[in-house]
Amino acid sequence: MREWQSLAHVKWECKYHVVIVPKYRKKVLYGRLRGEVGKIIRQLCRQKEVELIEGHAMPDHIHLVLSIPPKYSVSMVIGY
């Protein structure tokens, strides 16, 4: 069965696959920065009530699977 989440007047299941890529795909997101970037992303997700379902850091990009409540747009969460 599905695990629906709910707010006052809505039940929802909104999951998005987001890929964050630095300019020119510079390989700066691995090694020392990898742990720091992970902590920052987790903290920002907690602040906006966004559930971080899955995340993977590659040398030149980051894959995230986010569960974003319908009261926030995807572009607003990523811009935050």
N, C-alpha and C. Protein backbone atom coordinates (compact mmCIF):
# COMPACT_ATOMS: atom_id res chain seq x y z
N MET A 1 0.81 -1.18 0.00
CA MET A 1 0.00 0.00 0.00
C MET A 1 0.85 1.25 0.00
N ARG A 2 0.31 2.31 -0.52
CA ARG A 2 1.04 3.57 -0.57
C ARG A 2 1.04 4.25 0.79
N GLU A 3 2.09 4.97 1.06
CA GLU A 3 2.18 5.74 2.29
C GLU A 3 1.91 7.20 1.94
N TRP A 4 0.65 7.58 1.94
CA TRP A 4 0.27 8.94 1.63
C TRP A 4 0.60 9.83 2.82
N GLN A 5 1.02 11.06 2.52
CA GLN A 5 1.20 12.05 3.56
C GLN A 5 0.02 12.99 3.47
N SER A 6 -0.25 13.74 4.55
CA SER A 6 -1.42 14.60 4.48
C SER A 6 -1.17 15.94 5.16
N LEU A 7 -1.89 16.93 4.66
CA LEU A 7 -1.97 18.25 5.27
C LEU A 7 -3.44 18.44 5.63
N ALA A 8 -3.87 19.68 5.90
CA ALA A 8 -5.22 19.92 6.37
C ALA A 8 -6.30 19.36 5.44
N HIS A 9 -6.20 19.61 4.13
CA HIS A 9 -7.27 19.22 3.22
C HIS A 9 -6.78 18.39 2.04
N VAL A 10 -5.64 17.76 2.16
CA VAL A 10 -5.10 17.05 1.00
C VAL A 10 -4.26 15.86 1.45
N LYS A 11 -4.33 14.80 0.67
CA LYS A 11 -3.40 13.67 0.83
C LYS A 11 -2.51 13.70 -0.40
N TRP A 12 -1.22 13.44 -0.23
CA TRP A 12 -0.30 13.61 -1.34
C TRP A 12 0.88 12.66 -1.25
N GLU A 13 1.46 12.43 -2.41
CA GLU A 13 2.71 11.68 -2.53
C GLU A 13 3.47 12.30 -3.71
N CYS A 14 4.30 13.29 -3.44
CA CYS A 14 5.04 14.01 -4.48
C CYS A 14 6.52 13.74 -4.29
N LYS A 15 7.11 12.97 -5.17
CA LYS A 15 8.53 12.67 -5.10
C LYS A 15 9.19 13.13 -6.39
N TYR A 16 10.33 13.78 -6.25
CA TYR A 16 11.03 14.35 -7.40
C TYR A 16 12.49 13.91 -7.41
N HIS A 17 12.98 13.60 -8.59
CA HIS A 17 14.40 13.29 -8.78
C HIS A 17 15.06 14.58 -9.27
N VAL A 18 15.99 15.11 -8.48
CA VAL A 18 16.64 16.38 -8.78
C VAL A 18 18.14 16.13 -8.94
N VAL A 19 18.73 16.72 -9.96
CA VAL A 19 20.17 16.62 -10.19
C VAL A 19 20.75 18.03 -10.13
N ILE A 20 21.72 18.23 -9.23
CA ILE A 20 22.39 19.52 -9.09
C ILE A 20 23.76 19.40 -9.74
N VAL A 21 24.02 20.28 -10.71
CA VAL A 21 25.26 20.22 -11.48
C VAL A 21 25.96 21.58 -11.39
N PRO A 22 27.24 21.62 -10.96
CA PRO A 22 27.96 22.89 -10.95
C PRO A 22 28.32 23.34 -12.37
N LYS A 23 28.60 24.61 -12.52
CA LYS A 23 28.93 25.17 -13.82
C LYS A 23 30.12 24.43 -14.44
N TYR A 24 30.01 24.12 -15.71
CA TYR A 24 31.02 23.40 -16.49
C TYR A 24 31.34 22.02 -15.93
N ARG A 25 30.44 21.49 -15.08
CA ARG A 25 30.63 20.17 -14.47
C ARG A 25 32.00 20.01 -13.83
N LYS A 26 32.45 21.05 -13.14
CA LYS A 26 33.73 20.96 -12.43
C LYS A 26 33.63 19.89 -11.36
N LYS A 27 34.69 19.11 -11.22
CA LYS A 27 34.71 17.99 -10.29
C LYS A 27 35.14 18.46 -8.90
N VAL A 28 34.26 19.24 -8.25
CA VAL A 28 34.59 19.82 -6.95
C VAL A 28 33.72 19.26 -5.83
N LEU A 29 32.75 18.42 -6.12
CA LEU A 29 31.80 17.97 -5.12
C LEU A 29 32.18 16.65 -4.46
N TYR A 30 33.38 16.19 -4.62
CA TYR A 30 33.78 14.92 -4.06
C TYR A 30 34.90 15.14 -3.07
N GLY A 31 35.22 14.14 -2.29
CA GLY A 31 36.31 14.25 -1.33
C GLY A 31 35.89 15.00 -0.09
N ARG A 32 36.63 16.04 0.25
CA ARG A 32 36.39 16.79 1.47
C ARG A 32 35.03 17.49 1.47
N LEU A 33 34.63 18.02 0.34
CA LEU A 33 33.37 18.76 0.26
C LEU A 33 32.14 17.85 0.31
N ARG A 34 32.32 16.59 -0.01
CA ARG A 34 31.17 15.67 -0.09
C ARG A 34 30.41 15.61 1.23
N GLY A 35 31.10 15.46 2.34
CA GLY A 35 30.44 15.38 3.64
C GLY A 35 29.79 16.69 4.04
N GLU A 36 30.46 17.79 3.75
CA GLU A 36 29.91 19.10 4.10
C GLU A 36 28.65 19.41 3.29
N VAL A 37 28.67 19.09 2.01
CA VAL A 37 27.50 19.33 1.15
C VAL A 37 26.32 18.49 1.65
N GLY A 38 26.58 17.27 2.04
CA GLY A 38 25.51 16.41 2.56
C GLY A 38 24.87 16.98 3.80
N LYS A 39 25.67 17.47 4.73
CA LYS A 39 25.14 18.07 5.97
C LYS A 39 24.30 19.31 5.66
N ILE A 40 24.78 20.13 4.75
CA ILE A 40 24.06 21.36 4.39
C ILE A 40 22.71 21.03 3.74
N ILE A 41 22.70 20.07 2.83
CA ILE A 41 21.45 19.69 2.15
C ILE A 41 20.46 19.12 3.16
N ARG A 42 20.92 18.26 4.08
CA ARG A 42 20.01 17.71 5.10
C ARG A 42 19.42 18.81 5.97
N GLN A 43 20.24 19.77 6.37
CA GLN A 43 19.78 20.87 7.21
C GLN A 43 18.74 21.73 6.48
N LEU A 44 18.99 22.05 5.21
CA LEU A 44 18.05 22.85 4.44
C LEU A 44 16.72 22.11 4.24
N CYS A 45 16.79 20.81 4.04
CA CYS A 45 15.56 20.03 3.88
C CYS A 45 14.73 20.04 5.16
N ARG A 46 15.38 19.91 6.32
CA ARG A 46 14.65 19.98 7.58
C ARG A 46 13.96 21.32 7.77
N GLN A 47 14.63 22.41 7.37
CA GLN A 47 14.06 23.74 7.55
C GLN A 47 12.79 23.94 6.71
N LYS A 48 12.73 23.34 5.54
CA LYS A 48 11.58 23.51 4.64
C LYS A 48 10.60 22.34 4.69
N GLU A 49 10.74 21.44 5.67
CA GLU A 49 9.84 20.28 5.81
C GLU A 49 9.86 19.39 4.59
N VAL A 50 11.00 19.30 3.93
CA VAL A 50 11.17 18.44 2.75
C VAL A 50 11.89 17.18 3.21
N GLU A 51 11.37 16.03 2.78
CA GLU A 51 11.99 14.76 3.15
C GLU A 51 13.04 14.37 2.10
N LEU A 52 14.26 14.17 2.54
CA LEU A 52 15.33 13.70 1.66
C LEU A 52 15.28 12.18 1.68
N ILE A 53 14.75 11.59 0.63
CA ILE A 53 14.57 10.15 0.56
C ILE A 53 15.89 9.46 0.22
N GLU A 54 16.59 10.03 -0.76
CA GLU A 54 17.84 9.41 -1.21
C GLU A 54 18.73 10.48 -1.79
N GLY A 55 20.03 10.32 -1.62
CA GLY A 55 20.99 11.26 -2.18
C GLY A 55 22.31 10.59 -2.49
N HIS A 56 22.89 10.92 -3.62
CA HIS A 56 24.18 10.37 -4.03
C HIS A 56 25.05 11.49 -4.58
N ALA A 57 26.29 11.57 -4.10
CA ALA A 57 27.23 12.57 -4.60
C ALA A 57 28.17 11.91 -5.59
N MET A 58 28.24 12.45 -6.77
CA MET A 58 29.17 12.03 -7.81
C MET A 58 30.26 13.10 -7.91
N PRO A 59 31.36 12.83 -8.60
CA PRO A 59 32.42 13.85 -8.68
C PRO A 59 31.97 15.17 -9.28
N ASP A 60 30.99 15.15 -10.20
CA ASP A 60 30.61 16.40 -10.86
C ASP A 60 29.12 16.73 -10.77
N HIS A 61 28.34 16.01 -9.96
CA HIS A 61 26.93 16.33 -9.77
C HIS A 61 26.39 15.59 -8.55
N ILE A 62 25.19 15.98 -8.12
CA ILE A 62 24.53 15.37 -6.97
C ILE A 62 23.13 14.93 -7.39
N HIS A 63 22.77 13.68 -7.07
CA HIS A 63 21.42 13.17 -7.31
C HIS A 63 20.66 13.21 -5.99
N LEU A 64 19.44 13.74 -6.01
CA LEU A 64 18.58 13.78 -4.84
C LEU A 64 17.19 13.28 -5.21
N VAL A 65 16.59 12.52 -4.32
CA VAL A 65 15.17 12.18 -4.44
C VAL A 65 14.50 12.85 -3.25
N LEU A 66 13.62 13.81 -3.55
CA LEU A 66 12.99 14.63 -2.53
C LEU A 66 11.49 14.41 -2.52
N SER A 67 10.92 14.41 -1.33
CA SER A 67 9.47 14.41 -1.17
C SER A 67 9.10 15.81 -0.71
N ILE A 68 8.51 16.58 -1.63
CA ILE A 68 8.23 17.99 -1.38
C ILE A 68 6.72 18.16 -1.18
N PRO A 69 6.30 18.80 -0.07
CA PRO A 69 4.87 19.04 0.13
C PRO A 69 4.29 19.92 -0.98
N PRO A 70 3.02 19.74 -1.31
CA PRO A 70 2.42 20.51 -2.41
C PRO A 70 2.33 22.01 -2.13
N LYS A 71 2.50 22.44 -0.88
CA LYS A 71 2.45 23.88 -0.61
C LYS A 71 3.70 24.60 -1.09
N TYR A 72 4.76 23.85 -1.44
CA TYR A 72 5.99 24.43 -1.98
C TYR A 72 6.16 23.98 -3.42
N SER A 73 6.65 24.87 -4.27
CA SER A 73 6.97 24.47 -5.64
C SER A 73 8.39 23.87 -5.65
N VAL A 74 8.65 23.06 -6.63
CA VAL A 74 9.97 22.44 -6.75
C VAL A 74 11.02 23.51 -6.96
N SER A 75 10.74 24.49 -7.80
CA SER A 75 11.72 25.55 -8.08
C SER A 75 12.01 26.39 -6.83
N MET A 76 11.01 26.59 -5.98
CA MET A 76 11.24 27.36 -4.75
C MET A 76 12.14 26.58 -3.79
N VAL A 77 11.93 25.28 -3.68
CA VAL A 77 12.76 24.46 -2.78
C VAL A 77 14.19 24.40 -3.28
N ILE A 78 14.39 24.19 -4.57
CA ILE A 78 15.74 24.11 -5.13
C ILE A 78 16.42 25.48 -5.05
N GLY A 79 15.68 26.55 -5.28
CA GLY A 79 16.25 27.89 -5.16
C GLY A 79 16.66 28.23 -3.75
N TYR A 80 15.96 27.66 -2.77
CA TYR A 80 16.27 27.90 -1.37
C TYR A 80 17.60 27.29 -1.03
